[in-house]
Amino acid sequence: LVNIFRAKVIDVAKDSLTLWVFGSQSKNTAL
């Protein structure tokens, strides 16, 4: 999903991921 939305994984933990997304409000809301 991150790749489809051209976002980035910026932190990886054992049971979570933190993502960064830059874009229009509608794109971010969709993700």
Full PDB file with SEQRES, HELIX, SHEET, SSBOND, CRYST1, ORIGX, SCALE, CONECT and MASTER records, all heavy atoms in Angstrom:
SEQRES   1 A   31  LEU VAL ASN ILE PHE ARG ALA LYS VAL ILE ASP VAL ALA          
SEQRES   2 A   31  LYS ASP SER LEU THR LEU TRP VAL PHE GLY SER GLN SER          
SEQRES   3 A   31  LYS ASN THR ALA LEU                                          
HELIX    1 AA1 GLN A   25  ALA A   30  1                                   6    
SHEET    1 AA1 2 LYS A   8  VAL A  12  0                                        
SHEET    2 AA1 2 LEU A  17  TRP A  20 -1                                        
CRYST1    1.000    1.000    1.000  90.00  90.00  90.00 P 1           1          
ORIGX1      1.000000  0.000000  0.000000        0.00000                         
ORIGX2      0.000000  1.000000  0.000000        0.00000                         
ORIGX3      0.000000  0.000000  1.000000        0.00000                         
SCALE1      1.000000  0.000000  0.000000        0.00000                         
SCALE2      0.000000  1.000000  0.000000        0.00000                         
SCALE3      0.000000  0.000000  1.000000        0.00000                         
ATOM      1  N   LEU A   1       0.828  -1.209   0.000  1.00  0.00           N  
ATOM      2  CA  LEU A   1       0.000   0.000   0.000  1.00  0.00           C  
ATOM      3  C   LEU A   1       0.862   1.259   0.000  1.00  0.00           C  
ATOM      4  O   LEU A   1       0.575   2.224  -0.715  1.00  0.00           O  
ATOM      5  CB  LEU A   1      -0.921   0.017   1.225  1.00  0.00           C  
ATOM      6  CG  LEU A   1      -2.177  -0.814   1.163  1.00  0.00           C  
ATOM      7  CD1 LEU A   1      -2.882  -0.828   2.515  1.00  0.00           C  
ATOM      8  CD2 LEU A   1      -3.112  -0.296   0.089  1.00  0.00           C  
ATOM      9  N   VAL A   2       1.895   1.244   0.817  1.00  0.00           N  
ATOM     10  CA  VAL A   2       2.812   2.374   0.894  1.00  0.00           C  
ATOM     11  C   VAL A   2       3.379   2.678  -0.493  1.00  0.00           C  
ATOM     12  O   VAL A   2       3.439   3.837  -0.916  1.00  0.00           O  
ATOM     13  CB  VAL A   2       3.939   2.087   1.918  1.00  0.00           C  
ATOM     14  CG1 VAL A   2       5.087   3.053   1.762  1.00  0.00           C  
ATOM     15  CG2 VAL A   2       3.392   2.136   3.329  1.00  0.00           C  
ATOM     16  N   ASN A   3       3.781   1.639  -1.218  1.00  0.00           N  
ATOM     17  CA  ASN A   3       4.344   1.829  -2.555  1.00  0.00           C  
ATOM     18  C   ASN A   3       3.309   2.369  -3.538  1.00  0.00           C  
ATOM     19  O   ASN A   3       3.620   3.242  -4.350  1.00  0.00           O  
ATOM     20  CB  ASN A   3       4.951   0.526  -3.070  1.00  0.00           C  
ATOM     21  CG  ASN A   3       6.203   0.147  -2.307  1.00  0.00           C  
ATOM     22  OD1 ASN A   3       6.901   0.993  -1.764  1.00  0.00           O  
ATOM     23  ND2 ASN A   3       6.482  -1.146  -2.239  1.00  0.00           N  
ATOM     24  N   ILE A   4       2.088   1.876  -3.467  1.00  0.00           N  
ATOM     25  CA  ILE A   4       1.024   2.349  -4.358  1.00  0.00           C  
ATOM     26  C   ILE A   4       0.777   3.845  -4.153  1.00  0.00           C  
ATOM     27  O   ILE A   4       0.593   4.593  -5.107  1.00  0.00           O  
ATOM     28  CB  ILE A   4      -0.272   1.540  -4.132  1.00  0.00           C  
ATOM     29  CG1 ILE A   4      -0.086   0.110  -4.641  1.00  0.00           C  
ATOM     30  CG2 ILE A   4      -1.469   2.212  -4.807  1.00  0.00           C  
ATOM     31  CD1 ILE A   4      -1.197  -0.844  -4.221  1.00  0.00           C  
ATOM     32  N   PHE A   5       0.780   4.280  -2.898  1.00  0.00           N  
ATOM     33  CA  PHE A   5       0.510   5.681  -2.574  1.00  0.00           C  
ATOM     34  C   PHE A   5       1.768   6.558  -2.592  1.00  0.00           C  
ATOM     35  O   PHE A   5       1.717   7.721  -2.238  1.00  0.00           O  
ATOM     36  CB  PHE A   5      -0.177   5.787  -1.207  1.00  0.00           C  
ATOM     37  CG  PHE A   5      -1.636   5.452  -1.250  1.00  0.00           C  
ATOM     38  CD1 PHE A   5      -2.064   4.140  -1.112  1.00  0.00           C  
ATOM     39  CD2 PHE A   5      -2.580   6.441  -1.443  1.00  0.00           C  
ATOM     40  CE1 PHE A   5      -3.411   3.813  -1.147  1.00  0.00           C  
ATOM     41  CE2 PHE A   5      -3.932   6.130  -1.487  1.00  0.00           C  
ATOM     42  CZ  PHE A   5      -4.353   4.811  -1.341  1.00  0.00           C  
ATOM     43  N   ARG A   6       2.874   5.982  -2.998  1.00  0.00           N  
ATOM     44  CA  ARG A   6       4.162   6.686  -3.032  1.00  0.00           C  
ATOM     45  C   ARG A   6       4.502   7.320  -1.676  1.00  0.00           C  
ATOM     46  O   ARG A   6       5.009   8.432  -1.588  1.00  0.00           O  
ATOM     47  CB  ARG A   6       4.192   7.727  -4.146  1.00  0.00           C  
ATOM     48  CG  ARG A   6       4.311   7.083  -5.501  1.00  0.00           C  
ATOM     49  CD  ARG A   6       4.460   8.082  -6.590  1.00  0.00           C  
ATOM     50  NE  ARG A   6       3.123   8.347  -7.120  1.00  0.00           N  
ATOM     51  CZ  ARG A   6       2.767   9.408  -7.771  1.00  0.00           C  
ATOM     52  NH1 ARG A   6       3.642  10.349  -8.003  1.00  0.00           N  
ATOM     53  NH2 ARG A   6       1.551   9.555  -8.213  1.00  0.00           N  
ATOM     54  N   ALA A   7       4.200   6.574  -0.639  1.00  0.00           N  
ATOM     55  CA  ALA A   7       4.572   6.976   0.718  1.00  0.00           C  
ATOM     56  C   ALA A   7       5.884   6.278   1.066  1.00  0.00           C  
ATOM     57  O   ALA A   7       6.464   5.603   0.208  1.00  0.00           O  
ATOM     58  CB  ALA A   7       3.460   6.579   1.693  1.00  0.00           C  
ATOM     59  N   LYS A   8       6.350   6.433   2.284  1.00  0.00           N  
ATOM     60  CA  LYS A   8       7.595   5.798   2.707  1.00  0.00           C  
ATOM     61  C   LYS A   8       7.441   5.207   4.102  1.00  0.00           C  
ATOM     62  O   LYS A   8       6.754   5.771   4.948  1.00  0.00           O  
ATOM     63  CB  LYS A   8       8.732   6.812   2.733  1.00  0.00           C  
ATOM     64  CG  LYS A   8       9.133   7.331   1.372  1.00  0.00           C  
ATOM     65  CD  LYS A   8      10.393   8.152   1.475  1.00  0.00           C  
ATOM     66  CE  LYS A   8      10.937   8.688   0.202  1.00  0.00           C  
ATOM     67  NZ  LYS A   8      10.440   8.298  -1.042  1.00  0.00           N  
ATOM     68  N   VAL A   9       8.096   4.080   4.317  1.00  0.00           N  
ATOM     69  CA  VAL A   9       8.201   3.513   5.657  1.00  0.00           C  
ATOM     70  C   VAL A   9       9.402   4.204   6.293  1.00  0.00           C  
ATOM     71  O   VAL A   9      10.513   4.146   5.758  1.00  0.00           O  
ATOM     72  CB  VAL A   9       8.413   1.988   5.616  1.00  0.00           C  
ATOM     73  CG1 VAL A   9       8.637   1.442   7.017  1.00  0.00           C  
ATOM     74  CG2 VAL A   9       7.239   1.299   4.948  1.00  0.00           C  
ATOM     75  N   ILE A  10       9.194   4.861   7.435  1.00  0.00           N  
ATOM     76  CA  ILE A  10      10.300   5.593   8.057  1.00  0.00           C  
ATOM     77  C   ILE A  10      10.742   4.986   9.384  1.00  0.00           C  
ATOM     78  O   ILE A  10      11.763   5.401   9.926  1.00  0.00           O  
ATOM     79  CB  ILE A  10       9.973   7.097   8.231  1.00  0.00           C  
ATOM     80  CG1 ILE A  10       8.726   7.299   9.091  1.00  0.00           C  
ATOM     81  CG2 ILE A  10       9.819   7.764   6.881  1.00  0.00           C  
ATOM     82  CD1 ILE A  10       8.460   8.737   9.476  1.00  0.00           C  
ATOM     83  N   ASP A  11       9.959   4.022   9.894  1.00  0.00           N  
ATOM     84  CA  ASP A  11      10.367   3.345  11.115  1.00  0.00           C  
ATOM     85  C   ASP A  11       9.723   1.961  11.150  1.00  0.00           C  
ATOM     86  O   ASP A  11       8.557   1.804  10.795  1.00  0.00           O  
ATOM     87  CB  ASP A  11       9.948   4.137  12.364  1.00  0.00           C  
ATOM     88  CG  ASP A  11      10.487   3.502  13.638  1.00  0.00           C  
ATOM     89  OD1 ASP A  11      11.719   3.345  13.743  1.00  0.00           O  
ATOM     90  OD2 ASP A  11       9.665   3.156  14.506  1.00  0.00           O  
ATOM     91  N   VAL A  12      10.512   0.983  11.559  1.00  0.00           N  
ATOM     92  CA  VAL A  12      10.025  -0.390  11.655  1.00  0.00           C  
ATOM     93  C   VAL A  12      10.262  -0.882  13.072  1.00  0.00           C  
ATOM     94  O   VAL A  12      11.371  -0.766  13.596  1.00  0.00           O  
ATOM     95  CB  VAL A  12      10.768  -1.312  10.653  1.00  0.00           C  
ATOM     96  CG1 VAL A  12      10.290  -2.741  10.794  1.00  0.00           C  
ATOM     97  CG2 VAL A  12      10.593  -0.814   9.229  1.00  0.00           C  
ATOM     98  N   ALA A  13       9.210  -1.388  13.684  1.00  0.00           N  
ATOM     99  CA  ALA A  13       9.313  -2.033  14.994  1.00  0.00           C  
ATOM    100  C   ALA A  13       8.802  -3.461  14.830  1.00  0.00           C  
ATOM    101  O   ALA A  13       8.279  -3.827  13.780  1.00  0.00           O  
ATOM    102  CB  ALA A  13       8.499  -1.274  16.029  1.00  0.00           C  
ATOM    103  N   LYS A  14       8.942  -4.250  15.874  1.00  0.00           N  
ATOM    104  CA  LYS A  14       8.544  -5.658  15.797  1.00  0.00           C  
ATOM    105  C   LYS A  14       7.073  -5.835  15.412  1.00  0.00           C  
ATOM    106  O   LYS A  14       6.721  -6.720  14.644  1.00  0.00           O  
ATOM    107  CB  LYS A  14       8.836  -6.336  17.139  1.00  0.00           C  
ATOM    108  CG  LYS A  14       8.610  -7.816  17.119  1.00  0.00           C  
ATOM    109  CD  LYS A  14       9.042  -8.432  18.423  1.00  0.00           C  
ATOM    110  CE  LYS A  14       8.783  -9.916  18.359  1.00  0.00           C  
ATOM    111  NZ  LYS A  14       9.873 -10.701  18.847  1.00  0.00           N  
ATOM    112  N   ASP A  15       6.205  -4.951  15.934  1.00  0.00           N  
ATOM    113  CA  ASP A  15       4.775  -5.106  15.673  1.00  0.00           C  
ATOM    114  C   ASP A  15       4.101  -3.857  15.100  1.00  0.00           C  
ATOM    115  O   ASP A  15       2.881  -3.702  15.160  1.00  0.00           O  
ATOM    116  CB  ASP A  15       4.059  -5.549  16.935  1.00  0.00           C  
ATOM    117  CG  ASP A  15       4.286  -4.581  18.083  1.00  0.00           C  
ATOM    118  OD1 ASP A  15       5.085  -3.631  17.930  1.00  0.00           O  
ATOM    119  OD2 ASP A  15       3.654  -4.770  19.134  1.00  0.00           O  
ATOM    120  N   SER A  16       4.900  -2.931  14.546  1.00  0.00           N  
ATOM    121  CA  SER A  16       4.312  -1.723  13.945  1.00  0.00           C  
ATOM    122  C   SER A  16       5.229  -1.140  12.880  1.00  0.00           C  
ATOM    123  O   SER A  16       6.424  -1.422  12.845  1.00  0.00           O  
ATOM    124  CB  SER A  16       4.027  -0.672  15.023  1.00  0.00           C  
ATOM    125  OG  SER A  16       5.231  -0.153  15.531  1.00  0.00           O  
ATOM    126  N   LEU A  17       4.620  -0.311  12.031  1.00  0.00           N  
ATOM    127  CA  LEU A  17       5.352   0.456  11.019  1.00  0.00           C  
ATOM    128  C   LEU A  17       4.924   1.906  11.141  1.00  0.00           C  
ATOM    129  O   LEU A  17       3.749   2.195  11.406  1.00  0.00           O  
ATOM    130  CB  LEU A  17       5.024  -0.028   9.601  1.00  0.00           C  
ATOM    131  CG  LEU A  17       5.439  -1.432   9.205  1.00  0.00           C  
ATOM    132  CD1 LEU A  17       4.850  -1.778   7.844  1.00  0.00           C  
ATOM    133  CD2 LEU A  17       6.949  -1.546   9.165  1.00  0.00           C  
ATOM    134  N   THR A  18       5.859   2.813  10.937  1.00  0.00           N  
ATOM    135  CA  THR A  18       5.519   4.222  10.869  1.00  0.00           C  
ATOM    136  C   THR A  18       5.754   4.676   9.441  1.00  0.00           C  
ATOM    137  O   THR A  18       6.819   4.431   8.867  1.00  0.00           O  
ATOM    138  CB  THR A  18       6.358   5.067  11.852  1.00  0.00           C  
ATOM    139  OG1 THR A  18       6.138   4.572  13.180  1.00  0.00           O  
ATOM    140  CG2 THR A  18       5.954   6.528  11.788  1.00  0.00           C  
ATOM    141  N   LEU A  19       4.740   5.330   8.880  1.00  0.00           N  
ATOM    142  CA  LEU A  19       4.755   5.732   7.483  1.00  0.00           C  
ATOM    143  C   LEU A  19       4.750   7.243   7.363  1.00  0.00           C  
ATOM    144  O   LEU A  19       4.221   7.950   8.217  1.00  0.00           O  
ATOM    145  CB  LEU A  19       3.518   5.179   6.767  1.00  0.00           C  
ATOM    146  CG  LEU A  19       3.131   3.745   7.086  1.00  0.00           C  
ATOM    147  CD1 LEU A  19       1.798   3.410   6.469  1.00  0.00           C  
ATOM    148  CD2 LEU A  19       4.209   2.802   6.608  1.00  0.00           C  
ATOM    149  N   TRP A  20       5.307   7.704   6.272  1.00  0.00           N  
ATOM    150  CA  TRP A  20       5.311   9.124   5.915  1.00  0.00           C  
ATOM    151  C   TRP A  20       4.644   9.246   4.564  1.00  0.00           C  
ATOM    152  O   TRP A  20       5.001   8.527   3.623  1.00  0.00           O  
ATOM    153  CB  TRP A  20       6.756   9.619   5.853  1.00  0.00           C  
ATOM    154  CG  TRP A  20       6.934  11.009   5.339  1.00  0.00           C  
ATOM    155  CD1 TRP A  20       6.937  12.152   6.082  1.00  0.00           C  
ATOM    156  CD2 TRP A  20       7.167  11.420   3.986  1.00  0.00           C  
ATOM    157  NE1 TRP A  20       7.158  13.240   5.271  1.00  0.00           N  
ATOM    158  CE2 TRP A  20       7.301  12.803   3.972  1.00  0.00           C  
ATOM    159  CE3 TRP A  20       7.270  10.735   2.776  1.00  0.00           C  
ATOM    160  CZ2 TRP A  20       7.529  13.541   2.818  1.00  0.00           C  
ATOM    161  CZ3 TRP A  20       7.498  11.466   1.621  1.00  0.00           C  
ATOM    162  CH2 TRP A  20       7.627  12.853   1.641  1.00  0.00           C  
ATOM    163  N   VAL A  21       3.661  10.126   4.454  1.00  0.00           N  
ATOM    164  CA  VAL A  21       3.015  10.364   3.160  1.00  0.00           C  
ATOM    165  C   VAL A  21       2.881  11.868   2.951  1.00  0.00           C  
ATOM    166  O   VAL A  21       2.560  12.613   3.876  1.00  0.00           O  
ATOM    167  CB  VAL A  21       1.649   9.644   3.050  1.00  0.00           C  
ATOM    168  CG1 VAL A  21       0.661  10.131   4.074  1.00  0.00           C  
ATOM    169  CG2 VAL A  21       1.086   9.750   1.637  1.00  0.00           C  
ATOM    170  N   PHE A  22       3.177  12.283   1.744  1.00  0.00           N  
ATOM    171  CA  PHE A  22       3.090  13.682   1.345  1.00  0.00           C  
ATOM    172  C   PHE A  22       2.179  13.760   0.132  1.00  0.00           C  
ATOM    173  O   PHE A  22       2.378  13.025  -0.837  1.00  0.00           O  
ATOM    174  CB  PHE A  22       4.493  14.205   0.977  1.00  0.00           C  
ATOM    175  CG  PHE A  22       4.473  15.582   0.366  1.00  0.00           C  
ATOM    176  CD1 PHE A  22       4.339  16.694   1.166  1.00  0.00           C  
ATOM    177  CD2 PHE A  22       4.591  15.747  -1.003  1.00  0.00           C  
ATOM    178  CE1 PHE A  22       4.330  17.957   0.612  1.00  0.00           C  
ATOM    179  CE2 PHE A  22       4.579  17.009  -1.568  1.00  0.00           C  
ATOM    180  CZ  PHE A  22       4.449  18.123  -0.765  1.00  0.00           C  
ATOM    181  N   GLY A  23       1.153  14.584   0.202  1.00  0.00           N  
ATOM    182  CA  GLY A  23       0.274  14.702  -0.953  1.00  0.00           C  
ATOM    183  C   GLY A  23      -0.958  15.512  -0.651  1.00  0.00           C  
ATOM    184  O   GLY A  23      -1.043  16.186   0.374  1.00  0.00           O  
ATOM    185  N   SER A  24      -1.902  15.408  -1.542  1.00  0.00           N  
ATOM    186  CA  SER A  24      -3.161  16.123  -1.357  1.00  0.00           C  
ATOM    187  C   SER A  24      -3.906  15.501  -0.169  1.00  0.00           C  
ATOM    188  O   SER A  24      -3.661  14.356   0.202  1.00  0.00           O  
ATOM    189  CB  SER A  24      -4.017  16.028  -2.618  1.00  0.00           C  
ATOM    190  OG  SER A  24      -4.413  14.699  -2.832  1.00  0.00           O  
ATOM    191  N   GLN A  25      -4.807  16.271   0.374  1.00  0.00           N  
ATOM    192  CA  GLN A  25      -5.580  15.793   1.515  1.00  0.00           C  
ATOM    193  C   GLN A  25      -6.368  14.540   1.135  1.00  0.00           C  
ATOM    194  O   GLN A  25      -6.457  13.596   1.928  1.00  0.00           O  
ATOM    195  CB  GLN A  25      -6.514  16.897   2.001  1.00  0.00           C  
ATOM    196  CG  GLN A  25      -7.174  16.604   3.313  1.00  0.00           C  
ATOM    197  CD  GLN A  25      -7.988  17.787   3.807  1.00  0.00           C  
ATOM    198  OE1 GLN A  25      -8.553  18.548   3.018  1.00  0.00           O  
ATOM    199  NE2 GLN A  25      -8.039  17.955   5.108  1.00  0.00           N  
ATOM    200  N   SER A  26      -6.895  14.485  -0.075  1.00  0.00           N  
ATOM    201  CA  SER A  26      -7.677  13.312  -0.495  1.00  0.00           C  
ATOM    202  C   SER A  26      -6.796  12.075  -0.618  1.00  0.00           C  
ATOM    203  O   SER A  26      -7.218  10.971  -0.246  1.00  0.00           O  
ATOM    204  CB  SER A  26      -8.413  13.588  -1.809  1.00  0.00           C  
ATOM    205  OG  SER A  26      -7.501  13.898  -2.835  1.00  0.00           O  
ATOM    206  N   LYS A  27      -5.575  12.235  -1.104  1.00  0.00           N  
ATOM    207  CA  LYS A  27      -4.645  11.094  -1.200  1.00  0.00           C  
ATOM    208  C   LYS A  27      -4.322  10.567   0.189  1.00  0.00           C  
ATOM    209  O   LYS A  27      -4.373   9.360   0.446  1.00  0.00           O  
ATOM    210  CB  LYS A  27      -3.365  11.510  -1.913  1.00  0.00           C  
ATOM    211  CG  LYS A  27      -2.267  10.462  -1.879  1.00  0.00           C  
ATOM    212  CD  LYS A  27      -0.957  11.022  -2.409  1.00  0.00           C  
ATOM    213  CE  LYS A  27       0.186  10.082  -2.139  1.00  0.00           C  
ATOM    214  NZ  LYS A  27       1.469  10.599  -2.591  1.00  0.00           N  
ATOM    215  N   ASN A  28      -3.987  11.462   1.093  1.00  0.00           N  
ATOM    216  CA  ASN A  28      -3.629  11.051   2.453  1.00  0.00           C  
ATOM    217  C   ASN A  28      -4.811  10.399   3.164  1.00  0.00           C  
ATOM    218  O   ASN A  28      -4.652   9.395   3.858  1.00  0.00           O  
ATOM    219  CB  ASN A  28      -3.104  12.246   3.242  1.00  0.00           C  
ATOM    220  CG  ASN A  28      -1.800  12.780   2.680  1.00  0.00           C  
ATOM    221  OD1 ASN A  28      -1.224  12.220   1.752  1.00  0.00           O  
ATOM    222  ND2 ASN A  28      -1.336  13.879   3.229  1.00  0.00           N  
ATOM    223  N   THR A  29      -6.010  10.934   2.959  1.00  0.00           N  
ATOM    224  CA  THR A  29      -7.206  10.357   3.561  1.00  0.00           C  
ATOM    225  C   THR A  29      -7.478   8.961   3.004  1.00  0.00           C  
ATOM    226  O   THR A  29      -7.868   8.057   3.743  1.00  0.00           O  
ATOM    227  CB  THR A  29      -8.419  11.287   3.329  1.00  0.00           C  
ATOM    228  OG1 THR A  29      -8.130  12.561   3.916  1.00  0.00           O  
ATOM    229  CG2 THR A  29      -9.685  10.727   3.929  1.00  0.00           C  
ATOM    230  N   ALA A  30      -7.245   8.790   1.702  1.00  0.00           N  
ATOM    231  CA  ALA A  30      -7.455   7.476   1.080  1.00  0.00           C  
ATOM    232  C   ALA A  30      -6.501   6.432   1.663  1.00  0.00           C  
ATOM    233  O   ALA A  30      -6.907   5.309   1.979  1.00  0.00           O  
ATOM    234  CB  ALA A  30      -7.278   7.568  -0.432  1.00  0.00           C  
ATOM    235  N   LEU A  31      -5.230   6.816   1.843  1.00  0.00           N  
ATOM    236  CA  LEU A  31      -4.265   5.889   2.427  1.00  0.00           C  
ATOM    237  C   LEU A  31      -4.660   5.535   3.865  1.00  0.00           C  
ATOM    238  O   LEU A  31      -4.649   4.364   4.253  1.00  0.00           O  
ATOM    239  CB  LEU A  31      -2.846   6.452   2.396  1.00  0.00           C  
ATOM    240  CG  LEU A  31      -1.768   5.595   3.074  1.00  0.00           C  
ATOM    241  CD1 LEU A  31      -1.680   4.206   2.444  1.00  0.00           C  
ATOM    242  CD2 LEU A  31      -0.424   6.292   3.038  1.00  0.00           C  
TER     243      LEU A  31                                                      
MASTER        0    0    0    1    2    0    0    6  242    1    0    3          
END                                                                             
